[in-house]
N, C-alpha and C. Protein backbone atom coordinates (compact mmCIF):
# COMPACT_ATOMS: atom_id res chain seq x y z
N MET A 1 2.57 -34.56 -4.79
CA MET A 1 3.42 -33.26 -4.42
C MET A 1 4.05 -33.65 -2.99
N LYS A 2 5.29 -33.33 -2.96
CA LYS A 2 5.79 -33.42 -1.83
C LYS A 2 5.60 -32.36 -0.87
N SER A 3 5.65 -32.49 0.53
CA SER A 3 5.44 -31.47 1.34
C SER A 3 7.09 -30.87 1.63
N THR A 4 6.83 -29.43 2.11
CA THR A 4 8.06 -28.78 2.47
C THR A 4 8.81 -29.55 3.42
N CYS A 5 8.42 -30.23 4.36
CA CYS A 5 9.26 -31.06 5.28
C CYS A 5 9.98 -32.09 4.43
N GLU A 6 9.10 -32.81 3.56
CA GLU A 6 10.05 -33.88 2.77
C GLU A 6 10.89 -33.38 1.89
N VAL A 7 10.89 -32.27 1.32
CA VAL A 7 11.73 -31.67 0.40
C VAL A 7 12.87 -31.07 1.40
N SER A 8 12.67 -30.53 2.50
CA SER A 8 13.85 -29.82 3.17
C SER A 8 14.68 -31.21 3.98
N GLY A 9 14.19 -32.26 3.90
CA GLY A 9 14.78 -33.62 4.38
C GLY A 9 15.69 -34.41 3.36
N GLU A 10 15.27 -33.92 2.20
CA GLU A 10 16.11 -34.52 1.14
C GLU A 10 17.23 -33.63 0.73
N ILE A 11 17.09 -32.24 0.90
CA ILE A 11 17.97 -31.26 0.78
C ILE A 11 19.24 -31.41 1.59
N GLY A 12 18.96 -31.68 2.95
CA GLY A 12 20.20 -31.69 3.76
C GLY A 12 19.95 -31.10 4.87
N THR A 13 21.03 -30.00 5.03
CA THR A 13 21.06 -29.09 5.97
C THR A 13 19.94 -28.00 5.88
N LEU A 14 19.76 -27.50 6.96
CA LEU A 14 18.57 -26.33 7.03
C LEU A 14 19.40 -25.15 6.50
N ARG A 15 20.57 -24.98 6.60
CA ARG A 15 21.06 -23.70 5.88
C ARG A 15 20.95 -23.88 4.28
N ASN A 16 21.11 -24.92 3.74
CA ASN A 16 20.93 -25.11 2.42
C ASN A 16 19.72 -25.23 1.78
N ALA A 17 18.90 -25.61 2.91
CA ALA A 17 17.40 -25.67 2.21
C ALA A 17 16.51 -24.41 2.28
N ALA A 18 16.92 -23.53 3.00
CA ALA A 18 16.01 -22.21 3.12
C ALA A 18 15.99 -21.52 1.56
N PRO A 19 16.94 -21.15 1.20
CA PRO A 19 16.83 -20.70 -0.14
C PRO A 19 16.15 -21.52 -1.24
N LEU A 20 16.56 -22.86 -1.24
CA LEU A 20 15.83 -23.75 -1.96
C LEU A 20 14.30 -23.88 -2.15
N LEU A 21 14.08 -23.80 -0.75
CA LEU A 21 12.58 -23.95 -0.16
C LEU A 21 11.88 -22.77 -0.78
N ALA A 22 12.52 -21.41 -0.25
CA ALA A 22 11.91 -20.27 -0.69
C ALA A 22 11.90 -20.16 -2.39
N ALA A 23 12.70 -20.73 -3.01
CA ALA A 23 12.33 -20.72 -4.33
C ALA A 23 11.34 -21.63 -5.09
N MET A 24 11.46 -22.83 -4.30
CA MET A 24 10.03 -23.58 -4.76
C MET A 24 8.85 -22.99 -4.43
N LEU A 25 8.87 -22.35 -3.31
CA LEU A 25 7.38 -21.88 -2.64
C LEU A 25 6.99 -20.70 -3.74
N ARG A 26 8.01 -19.83 -4.13
CA ARG A 26 7.91 -18.51 -5.03
C ARG A 26 7.24 -19.32 -6.39
N GLU A 27 7.50 -20.35 -6.95
CA GLU A 27 7.07 -20.73 -7.96
C GLU A 27 5.57 -21.58 -7.98
N ARG A 28 5.19 -21.81 -6.82
CA ARG A 28 3.70 -22.12 -6.75
C ARG A 28 2.62 -21.24 -6.64
N SER A 29 1.50 -21.57 -7.36
CA SER A 29 0.40 -20.72 -7.43
C SER A 29 -0.01 -20.46 -5.83
N ASP A 30 -0.85 -19.28 -5.90
CA ASP A 30 -1.69 -19.15 -4.51
C ASP A 30 -2.64 -20.38 -4.22
N GLU A 31 -3.45 -20.91 -5.08
CA GLU A 31 -4.19 -22.17 -4.89
C GLU A 31 -3.45 -23.40 -4.10
N VAL A 32 -2.06 -23.66 -4.76
CA VAL A 32 -1.19 -24.67 -4.37
C VAL A 32 -0.86 -24.34 -2.87
N LEU A 33 -0.55 -22.92 -2.65
CA LEU A 33 0.04 -22.57 -1.55
C LEU A 33 -1.19 -22.78 -0.24
N ALA A 34 -2.40 -22.45 -0.71
CA ALA A 34 -3.37 -22.30 0.12
C ALA A 34 -3.76 -23.79 0.61
N GLN A 35 -3.59 -24.75 -0.61
CA GLN A 35 -3.64 -26.29 -0.22
C GLN A 35 -2.76 -26.79 0.72
N CYS A 36 -1.50 -26.01 0.81
CA CYS A 36 -0.29 -26.53 1.38
C CYS A 36 -0.61 -25.89 2.94
N SER A 37 -1.09 -24.82 2.89
CA SER A 37 -1.55 -24.20 4.30
C SER A 37 -2.33 -24.89 5.01
N ARG A 38 -3.63 -25.47 4.23
CA ARG A 38 -4.52 -26.37 4.82
C ARG A 38 -4.02 -27.48 5.34
N ALA A 39 -3.00 -27.98 4.75
CA ALA A 39 -2.27 -29.31 5.33
C ALA A 39 -1.36 -29.00 6.51
N GLY A 40 -1.19 -27.73 7.09
CA GLY A 40 -0.39 -27.45 8.01
C GLY A 40 0.86 -26.86 7.73
N GLU A 41 1.42 -26.61 6.51
CA GLU A 41 2.56 -26.16 6.17
C GLU A 41 2.91 -24.63 6.35
N GLY A 42 3.40 -24.12 7.34
CA GLY A 42 3.71 -22.82 7.87
C GLY A 42 4.49 -22.29 6.68
N ALA A 43 5.50 -22.74 6.13
CA ALA A 43 6.19 -22.11 5.18
C ALA A 43 5.34 -21.44 3.76
N ALA A 44 4.40 -22.48 3.68
CA ALA A 44 3.37 -22.02 2.41
C ALA A 44 2.56 -20.82 2.81
N PHE A 45 2.09 -20.72 4.21
CA PHE A 45 1.42 -19.57 4.72
C PHE A 45 2.20 -18.50 4.76
N VAL A 46 3.43 -18.36 4.86
CA VAL A 46 4.43 -17.40 5.07
C VAL A 46 4.64 -16.77 3.79
N GLU A 47 4.68 -17.91 2.68
CA GLU A 47 4.87 -17.13 1.01
C GLU A 47 3.68 -16.48 0.74
N LEU A 48 2.35 -17.03 1.27
CA LEU A 48 1.23 -16.36 1.01
C LEU A 48 1.04 -14.88 1.37
N ALA A 49 1.57 -14.84 2.72
CA ALA A 49 1.66 -13.55 3.39
C ALA A 49 2.57 -12.53 2.90
N LEU A 50 3.66 -13.17 2.59
CA LEU A 50 4.64 -11.99 1.82
C LEU A 50 4.06 -11.56 0.50
N ARG A 51 3.26 -12.46 -0.23
CA ARG A 51 2.70 -12.15 -1.58
C ARG A 51 1.69 -10.90 -1.39
N HIS A 52 0.75 -11.06 -0.38
CA HIS A 52 -0.34 -10.29 -0.34
C HIS A 52 -0.38 -9.28 0.84
N TRP A 53 0.96 -9.11 1.47
CA TRP A 53 0.94 -8.19 2.62
C TRP A 53 0.64 -6.69 2.03
N SER A 54 1.28 -6.32 0.77
CA SER A 54 0.86 -4.91 0.73
C SER A 54 -0.48 -4.47 0.10
N GLY A 55 -1.13 -5.54 -0.37
CA GLY A 55 -2.40 -5.24 -0.66
C GLY A 55 -3.55 -5.20 0.43
N VAL A 56 -3.19 -6.05 1.50
CA VAL A 56 -3.98 -6.17 2.50
C VAL A 56 -3.61 -4.93 3.38
N ASN A 57 -2.49 -4.42 3.55
CA ASN A 57 -2.18 -3.27 4.35
C ASN A 57 -2.61 -1.97 3.41
N ARG A 58 -2.98 -1.96 2.09
CA ARG A 58 -3.38 -0.82 1.42
C ARG A 58 -4.85 -0.74 2.06
N ILE A 59 -5.57 -1.81 1.97
CA ILE A 59 -7.12 -2.03 2.07
C ILE A 59 -7.24 -1.61 3.60
N VAL A 60 -6.55 -1.82 4.68
CA VAL A 60 -6.98 -1.27 6.04
C VAL A 60 -6.34 0.15 6.07
N ARG A 61 -5.23 0.48 5.58
CA ARG A 61 -4.65 1.82 5.64
C ARG A 61 -5.75 2.74 4.88
N ASN A 62 -6.66 2.37 3.85
CA ASN A 62 -7.55 3.38 3.53
C ASN A 62 -8.99 3.25 4.28
N MET A 63 -9.04 2.13 4.93
CA MET A 63 -10.28 1.75 5.69
C MET A 63 -10.26 2.64 6.94
N LEU A 64 -9.24 2.65 7.72
CA LEU A 64 -8.83 3.13 8.87
C LEU A 64 -8.17 4.30 9.12
N VAL A 65 -8.42 5.44 9.90
CA VAL A 65 -7.51 6.46 10.17
C VAL A 65 -6.14 5.96 10.85
N SER A 66 -6.45 5.09 11.76
CA SER A 66 -5.19 4.63 12.54
C SER A 66 -5.19 3.00 12.82
N ASP A 67 -4.01 2.62 13.34
CA ASP A 67 -4.06 1.26 13.57
C ASP A 67 -4.03 0.33 12.34
N ALA A 68 -3.51 0.91 11.17
CA ALA A 68 -3.69 0.08 9.96
C ALA A 68 -2.70 -1.14 10.12
N ALA A 69 -1.26 -0.97 10.42
CA ALA A 69 -0.53 -1.80 10.46
C ALA A 69 -0.99 -3.07 11.43
N GLU A 70 -1.57 -2.83 12.54
CA GLU A 70 -2.14 -3.82 13.58
C GLU A 70 -3.37 -4.39 12.74
N ALA A 71 -4.09 -3.87 12.17
CA ALA A 71 -5.25 -4.29 11.54
C ALA A 71 -4.71 -5.48 10.25
N ALA A 72 -3.74 -5.00 9.86
CA ALA A 72 -3.20 -5.83 8.73
C ALA A 72 -2.60 -7.27 9.45
N GLU A 73 -1.99 -7.04 10.68
CA GLU A 73 -1.27 -8.21 10.87
C GLU A 73 -2.44 -9.06 11.65
N ALA A 74 -3.61 -8.31 12.15
CA ALA A 74 -4.78 -9.25 12.54
C ALA A 74 -5.43 -9.80 11.69
N THR A 75 -5.46 -9.52 10.25
CA THR A 75 -6.06 -10.22 9.04
C THR A 75 -5.16 -11.39 9.02
N PHE A 76 -3.77 -11.22 8.87
CA PHE A 76 -3.11 -12.59 8.61
C PHE A 76 -3.17 -13.51 9.79
N ARG A 77 -3.21 -13.18 11.11
CA ARG A 77 -3.56 -13.87 12.10
C ARG A 77 -4.93 -14.65 11.94
N THR A 78 -5.79 -13.69 11.52
CA THR A 78 -7.02 -14.46 11.45
C THR A 78 -7.03 -15.69 10.34
N ALA A 79 -6.34 -15.04 9.30
CA ALA A 79 -6.05 -16.09 8.09
C ALA A 79 -5.36 -17.36 8.46
N LEU A 80 -4.35 -17.32 9.28
CA LEU A 80 -3.52 -18.22 9.70
C LEU A 80 -4.37 -19.32 10.53
N GLY A 81 -5.23 -18.53 11.46
CA GLY A 81 -5.96 -19.20 12.48
C GLY A 81 -7.06 -20.24 11.63
N SER A 82 -7.37 -19.57 10.57
CA SER A 82 -8.39 -20.34 9.75
C SER A 82 -7.92 -20.85 8.59
N ALA A 83 -6.63 -21.35 8.60
CA ALA A 83 -6.02 -22.07 7.39
C ALA A 83 -6.54 -23.55 6.99
N GLN A 84 -7.39 -24.06 8.06
CA GLN A 84 -7.85 -25.45 7.95
C GLN A 84 -9.22 -25.26 6.93
N THR A 85 -9.72 -23.83 6.85
CA THR A 85 -11.05 -23.82 6.42
C THR A 85 -11.02 -23.01 5.04
N PHE A 86 -9.83 -22.62 4.50
CA PHE A 86 -9.89 -21.72 3.42
C PHE A 86 -10.76 -22.47 2.37
N SER A 87 -11.51 -21.64 1.69
CA SER A 87 -12.81 -22.21 0.73
C SER A 87 -11.86 -22.52 -0.63
N GLU A 88 -12.12 -23.59 -1.00
CA GLU A 88 -11.61 -24.08 -2.16
C GLU A 88 -12.19 -23.44 -3.51
N GLY A 89 -11.50 -23.00 -4.49
CA GLY A 89 -12.13 -22.33 -5.46
C GLY A 89 -12.08 -20.77 -5.26
N VAL A 90 -11.87 -20.26 -4.31
CA VAL A 90 -12.03 -18.82 -3.89
C VAL A 90 -10.75 -18.30 -3.80
N PRO A 91 -10.25 -17.38 -4.77
CA PRO A 91 -8.65 -17.02 -4.93
C PRO A 91 -8.43 -16.43 -3.22
N PHE A 92 -7.32 -16.93 -2.96
CA PHE A 92 -6.64 -16.63 -1.29
C PHE A 92 -6.55 -14.93 -1.34
N ARG A 93 -6.32 -14.29 -2.31
CA ARG A 93 -6.09 -12.93 -2.13
C ARG A 93 -7.77 -12.32 -1.86
N ILE A 94 -8.90 -12.77 -2.33
CA ILE A 94 -10.09 -12.41 -2.28
C ILE A 94 -10.50 -12.70 -0.70
N LEU A 95 -10.06 -13.88 -0.23
CA LEU A 95 -10.51 -14.22 1.20
C LEU A 95 -9.66 -13.37 2.00
N LEU A 96 -8.41 -13.10 1.84
CA LEU A 96 -7.55 -12.19 2.59
C LEU A 96 -8.26 -10.67 2.55
N TYR A 97 -8.83 -10.36 1.32
CA TYR A 97 -9.31 -9.14 1.33
C TYR A 97 -10.45 -8.99 2.38
N ARG A 98 -11.41 -10.15 2.14
CA ARG A 98 -12.62 -10.54 3.02
C ARG A 98 -12.18 -10.06 4.31
N ALA A 99 -11.33 -11.06 4.79
CA ALA A 99 -10.83 -10.69 6.14
C ALA A 99 -10.27 -9.37 6.59
N ALA A 100 -9.78 -8.57 5.59
CA ALA A 100 -9.16 -7.57 5.96
C ALA A 100 -10.35 -6.32 6.22
N ILE A 101 -11.23 -6.37 5.38
CA ILE A 101 -12.42 -5.53 5.35
C ILE A 101 -13.37 -5.87 6.48
N GLY A 102 -13.51 -7.29 6.78
CA GLY A 102 -14.19 -7.51 8.10
C GLY A 102 -13.63 -6.79 9.47
N ILE A 103 -12.45 -6.94 9.44
CA ILE A 103 -11.69 -6.56 10.51
C ILE A 103 -11.77 -5.05 10.54
N SER A 104 -11.53 -4.50 9.33
CA SER A 104 -11.53 -3.00 9.43
C SER A 104 -13.02 -2.34 9.81
N LEU A 105 -14.06 -2.99 9.28
CA LEU A 105 -15.45 -2.76 9.57
C LEU A 105 -15.87 -2.82 11.16
N ALA A 106 -15.01 -4.00 11.71
CA ALA A 106 -15.51 -4.11 12.96
C ALA A 106 -14.71 -3.12 13.85
N ARG A 107 -13.57 -2.87 13.56
CA ARG A 107 -12.89 -1.59 14.35
C ARG A 107 -13.62 -0.34 14.05
N LEU A 108 -14.00 -0.06 12.80
CA LEU A 108 -14.66 1.13 12.64
C LEU A 108 -15.94 1.29 13.62
N ARG A 109 -16.83 -0.01 13.61
CA ARG A 109 -17.89 0.02 14.33
C ARG A 109 -17.47 0.34 15.71
N SER A 110 -16.40 -0.39 16.38
CA SER A 110 -16.11 -0.04 17.72
C SER A 110 -15.62 1.11 18.04
N ALA A 111 -15.25 1.91 16.97
CA ALA A 111 -14.65 3.20 17.22
C ALA A 111 -15.68 4.40 16.99
N ALA A 112 -16.88 3.80 16.57
CA ALA A 112 -17.84 4.62 16.12
C ALA A 112 -18.22 5.87 17.12
N GLY A 113 -18.35 5.07 18.51
CA GLY A 113 -18.70 5.85 19.46
C GLY A 113 -17.83 7.00 20.03
N GLN A 114 -16.68 6.45 19.70
CA GLN A 114 -15.29 7.60 20.23
C GLN A 114 -15.09 8.70 19.19
N ALA A 115 -15.16 9.73 19.69
CA ALA A 115 -14.80 10.83 18.84
C ALA A 115 -13.42 10.95 18.55
N THR A 116 -12.98 10.99 17.48
CA THR A 116 -11.52 11.23 17.17
C THR A 116 -11.13 12.26 16.33
N SER A 117 -10.16 13.14 16.48
CA SER A 117 -9.58 14.22 15.84
C SER A 117 -8.44 13.80 14.84
N ALA A 118 -8.24 12.59 14.69
CA ALA A 118 -7.10 12.13 13.76
C ALA A 118 -7.33 12.57 12.45
N ALA A 119 -8.73 12.61 11.88
CA ALA A 119 -8.77 13.05 10.29
C ALA A 119 -8.37 14.46 10.09
N ALA A 120 -8.22 15.30 11.39
CA ALA A 120 -7.93 16.78 11.23
C ALA A 120 -6.53 16.61 11.01
N PHE A 121 -5.73 15.92 11.40
CA PHE A 121 -4.10 16.01 11.26
C PHE A 121 -3.66 15.19 10.03
N LEU A 122 -4.64 14.71 9.28
CA LEU A 122 -4.13 14.01 8.02
C LEU A 122 -3.96 15.22 7.25
N THR A 123 -2.65 14.68 6.24
CA THR A 123 -2.25 15.70 5.40
C THR A 123 -2.92 15.25 3.99
N ASP A 124 -2.94 14.19 3.71
CA ASP A 124 -3.63 13.59 2.56
C ASP A 124 -5.00 14.01 2.26
N ARG A 125 -5.44 14.75 1.41
CA ARG A 125 -6.92 15.38 1.58
C ARG A 125 -7.81 14.17 1.06
N ILE A 126 -7.33 13.13 0.25
CA ILE A 126 -8.37 11.98 -0.29
C ILE A 126 -8.54 11.17 0.89
N ARG A 127 -7.66 10.79 1.93
CA ARG A 127 -7.76 9.97 3.10
C ARG A 127 -8.99 10.94 4.08
N GLU A 128 -8.67 12.12 3.86
CA GLU A 128 -9.59 13.03 4.62
C GLU A 128 -10.87 12.72 4.26
N VAL A 129 -11.25 12.68 3.00
CA VAL A 129 -12.60 12.62 2.51
C VAL A 129 -13.13 11.19 2.59
N LEU A 130 -12.36 10.35 2.39
CA LEU A 130 -12.49 9.00 2.70
C LEU A 130 -12.87 8.75 4.08
N GLY A 131 -12.20 9.37 4.99
CA GLY A 131 -12.69 9.29 6.60
C GLY A 131 -14.16 9.70 6.72
N ARG A 132 -14.68 10.66 6.11
CA ARG A 132 -16.17 11.01 6.07
C ARG A 132 -17.11 10.16 5.44
N LEU A 133 -16.64 9.56 4.48
CA LEU A 133 -17.61 8.41 3.91
C LEU A 133 -18.09 7.35 5.04
N ASN A 134 -19.42 6.83 4.54
CA ASN A 134 -19.86 5.70 5.48
C ASN A 134 -18.98 4.58 5.13
N ALA A 135 -18.86 3.60 6.10
CA ALA A 135 -17.98 2.28 6.01
C ALA A 135 -18.12 1.56 4.60
N MET A 136 -19.24 1.37 4.36
CA MET A 136 -19.81 0.69 3.16
C MET A 136 -19.38 1.27 1.59
N ASP A 137 -19.42 2.63 1.57
CA ASP A 137 -18.97 3.51 0.58
C ASP A 137 -17.32 3.34 0.40
N ARG A 138 -16.83 3.56 1.57
CA ARG A 138 -15.39 3.42 2.02
C ARG A 138 -14.77 1.93 1.42
N ALA A 139 -15.72 1.12 1.74
CA ALA A 139 -14.93 -0.32 1.42
C ALA A 139 -15.09 -0.65 -0.03
N CYS A 140 -16.25 -0.23 -0.70
CA CYS A 140 -16.43 -0.47 -2.07
C CYS A 140 -15.53 0.39 -2.88
N TYR A 141 -15.17 1.63 -2.53
CA TYR A 141 -14.06 2.28 -3.16
C TYR A 141 -12.80 1.85 -3.10
N VAL A 142 -12.58 1.39 -1.70
CA VAL A 142 -11.10 0.80 -1.76
C VAL A 142 -11.12 -0.29 -2.38
N LEU A 143 -11.79 -1.32 -2.64
CA LEU A 143 -11.82 -2.67 -3.33
C LEU A 143 -11.84 -2.37 -4.96
N ARG A 144 -12.73 -1.47 -5.15
CA ARG A 144 -12.91 -1.19 -6.76
C ARG A 144 -11.92 -0.33 -7.22
N ASP A 145 -11.56 0.78 -6.50
CA ASP A 145 -10.66 1.86 -7.18
C ASP A 145 -9.31 1.76 -6.64
N VAL A 146 -9.20 1.28 -5.48
CA VAL A 146 -7.63 1.20 -4.90
C VAL A 146 -7.07 -0.10 -5.42
N GLU A 147 -7.83 -1.27 -5.04
CA GLU A 147 -7.45 -2.66 -5.04
C GLU A 147 -7.85 -3.24 -6.72
N GLU A 148 -8.46 -2.27 -7.46
CA GLU A 148 -9.00 -2.93 -8.69
C GLU A 148 -9.62 -4.20 -8.87
N LEU A 149 -10.45 -4.47 -7.82
CA LEU A 149 -11.27 -5.89 -7.87
C LEU A 149 -12.24 -5.60 -8.79
N SER A 150 -12.73 -6.69 -9.61
CA SER A 150 -14.06 -6.63 -10.41
C SER A 150 -15.26 -6.48 -9.52
N TYR A 151 -16.55 -6.00 -9.81
CA TYR A 151 -17.50 -6.18 -9.12
C TYR A 151 -17.68 -7.13 -8.34
N ASP A 152 -17.90 -8.33 -9.15
CA ASP A 152 -18.13 -9.75 -8.56
C ASP A 152 -17.06 -10.01 -7.43
N GLU A 153 -15.89 -9.65 -7.65
CA GLU A 153 -14.77 -10.06 -6.39
C GLU A 153 -15.04 -9.35 -5.31
N ALA A 154 -15.42 -8.08 -5.40
CA ALA A 154 -15.71 -6.80 -4.36
C ALA A 154 -16.72 -7.40 -3.78
N SER A 155 -17.96 -8.01 -4.58
CA SER A 155 -19.23 -8.31 -3.79
C SER A 155 -19.10 -9.66 -3.10
N PHE A 156 -18.22 -10.45 -3.48
CA PHE A 156 -18.15 -11.58 -2.81
C PHE A 156 -17.25 -11.22 -1.48
N VAL A 157 -16.19 -10.55 -1.57
CA VAL A 157 -15.55 -9.96 -0.12
C VAL A 157 -16.49 -9.16 0.77
N LEU A 158 -17.48 -8.47 0.31
CA LEU A 158 -18.44 -7.60 1.16
C LEU A 158 -19.64 -8.49 1.49
N ARG A 159 -19.81 -9.64 0.64
CA ARG A 159 -21.09 -10.41 0.99
C ARG A 159 -22.47 -9.84 0.61
N THR A 160 -22.10 -9.07 -0.62
CA THR A 160 -23.43 -8.31 -1.08
C THR A 160 -23.41 -8.48 -2.42
N SER A 161 -24.31 -7.69 -3.17
CA SER A 161 -24.49 -8.07 -4.78
C SER A 161 -23.52 -7.04 -5.45
N PRO A 162 -23.28 -7.18 -6.79
CA PRO A 162 -22.37 -6.46 -7.53
C PRO A 162 -23.08 -4.92 -7.67
N GLU A 163 -24.21 -4.95 -7.75
CA GLU A 163 -25.03 -3.67 -7.99
C GLU A 163 -24.83 -2.96 -6.59
N ILE A 164 -24.89 -3.43 -5.64
CA ILE A 164 -24.81 -2.59 -4.54
C ILE A 164 -23.29 -2.19 -4.46
N VAL A 165 -22.25 -2.98 -4.61
CA VAL A 165 -21.01 -2.53 -4.77
C VAL A 165 -20.90 -1.20 -5.81
N ARG A 166 -21.40 -1.68 -7.07
CA ARG A 166 -21.38 -0.50 -7.85
C ARG A 166 -21.99 0.78 -7.65
N GLU A 167 -23.23 0.66 -6.61
CA GLU A 167 -23.80 1.79 -6.14
C GLU A 167 -22.98 2.55 -5.16
N HIS A 168 -22.26 1.82 -4.10
CA HIS A 168 -21.63 2.21 -3.18
C HIS A 168 -20.38 3.09 -3.58
N ALA A 169 -19.54 2.34 -4.54
CA ALA A 169 -18.32 2.70 -5.04
C ALA A 169 -18.76 4.08 -5.77
N HIS A 170 -19.60 4.30 -6.70
CA HIS A 170 -20.25 5.47 -7.40
C HIS A 170 -20.27 6.66 -6.40
N ARG A 171 -20.93 6.11 -5.15
CA ARG A 171 -21.28 7.27 -4.20
C ARG A 171 -20.02 7.97 -3.67
N ALA A 172 -19.08 6.84 -3.56
CA ALA A 172 -17.76 7.33 -2.96
C ALA A 172 -16.96 8.38 -3.90
N ARG A 173 -16.95 7.65 -5.14
CA ARG A 173 -16.24 8.61 -6.22
C ARG A 173 -16.81 9.82 -6.30
N LEU A 174 -18.13 9.92 -6.23
CA LEU A 174 -19.00 11.30 -6.45
C LEU A 174 -18.66 12.27 -5.29
N ALA A 175 -18.61 11.59 -3.87
CA ALA A 175 -18.23 12.33 -2.66
C ALA A 175 -16.82 12.91 -2.78
N LEU A 176 -15.80 11.94 -3.38
CA LEU A 176 -14.48 12.49 -3.55
C LEU A 176 -14.30 13.64 -4.44
N THR A 177 -15.00 13.52 -5.59
CA THR A 177 -14.89 14.56 -6.83
C THR A 177 -15.36 16.01 -6.14
N VAL A 178 -16.72 15.83 -5.56
CA VAL A 178 -17.20 16.86 -4.98
C VAL A 178 -16.19 17.62 -3.92
N SER A 179 -15.95 16.97 -3.04
CA SER A 179 -15.00 17.51 -2.08
C SER A 179 -13.68 17.74 -2.38
N LEU A 180 -13.01 17.08 -3.53
CA LEU A 180 -11.75 17.66 -3.95
C LEU A 180 -11.92 18.83 -4.94
N ASP A 181 -13.00 18.84 -5.61
CA ASP A 181 -13.11 20.08 -6.29
C ASP A 181 -13.41 21.24 -5.38
N ALA A 182 -14.07 20.98 -4.28
CA ALA A 182 -14.41 22.20 -3.53
C ALA A 182 -13.16 22.84 -2.80
N ARG A 183 -13.07 24.21 -2.93
CA ARG A 183 -11.97 24.77 -2.35
C ARG A 183 -12.06 25.19 -0.84
N PRO A 184 -10.79 24.88 -0.06
CA PRO A 184 -11.09 25.17 1.15
C PRO A 184 -11.40 26.67 1.43
N ALA A 185 -12.24 26.81 2.80
CA ALA A 185 -12.53 28.24 2.98
C ALA A 185 -11.30 28.73 3.58
């Protein structure tokens, strides 16, 4: 397989190469793009980031009350910094989700001592309830019910067993159901 540098050299001018390079990258699988990223090809990593931005952003937005965009960017900076060590055989999306959850949990832990009233200003009742869940329940719910990962994929992201994910996701669903069914006073 030719590197993107070799392909762009054959094409000619940078102006003509950009659309052709972008089209070539869109046709590649995540696994091939991850291999190219490991080899130092920045364009391959950019394509991976474009493909998975919305999923990562949803995860951190549902995990964190504020600073979600910053956390999503931090996820991709972390992934770019560790591009040389991407695990082979693990879907890139799952590695990104693991990084997003890790960054979100770290931010939640660091903010745990600070009382924030941001949840009181949320208009979205589901996010308000999610904000009251413990971090593990929230992470399991987001990965299973929002991102629709399998129990095995979610357990890989969270570095736990599928049974633990099942238990915490169920607990979160139950809390959401009870809270949303309760009428405000």
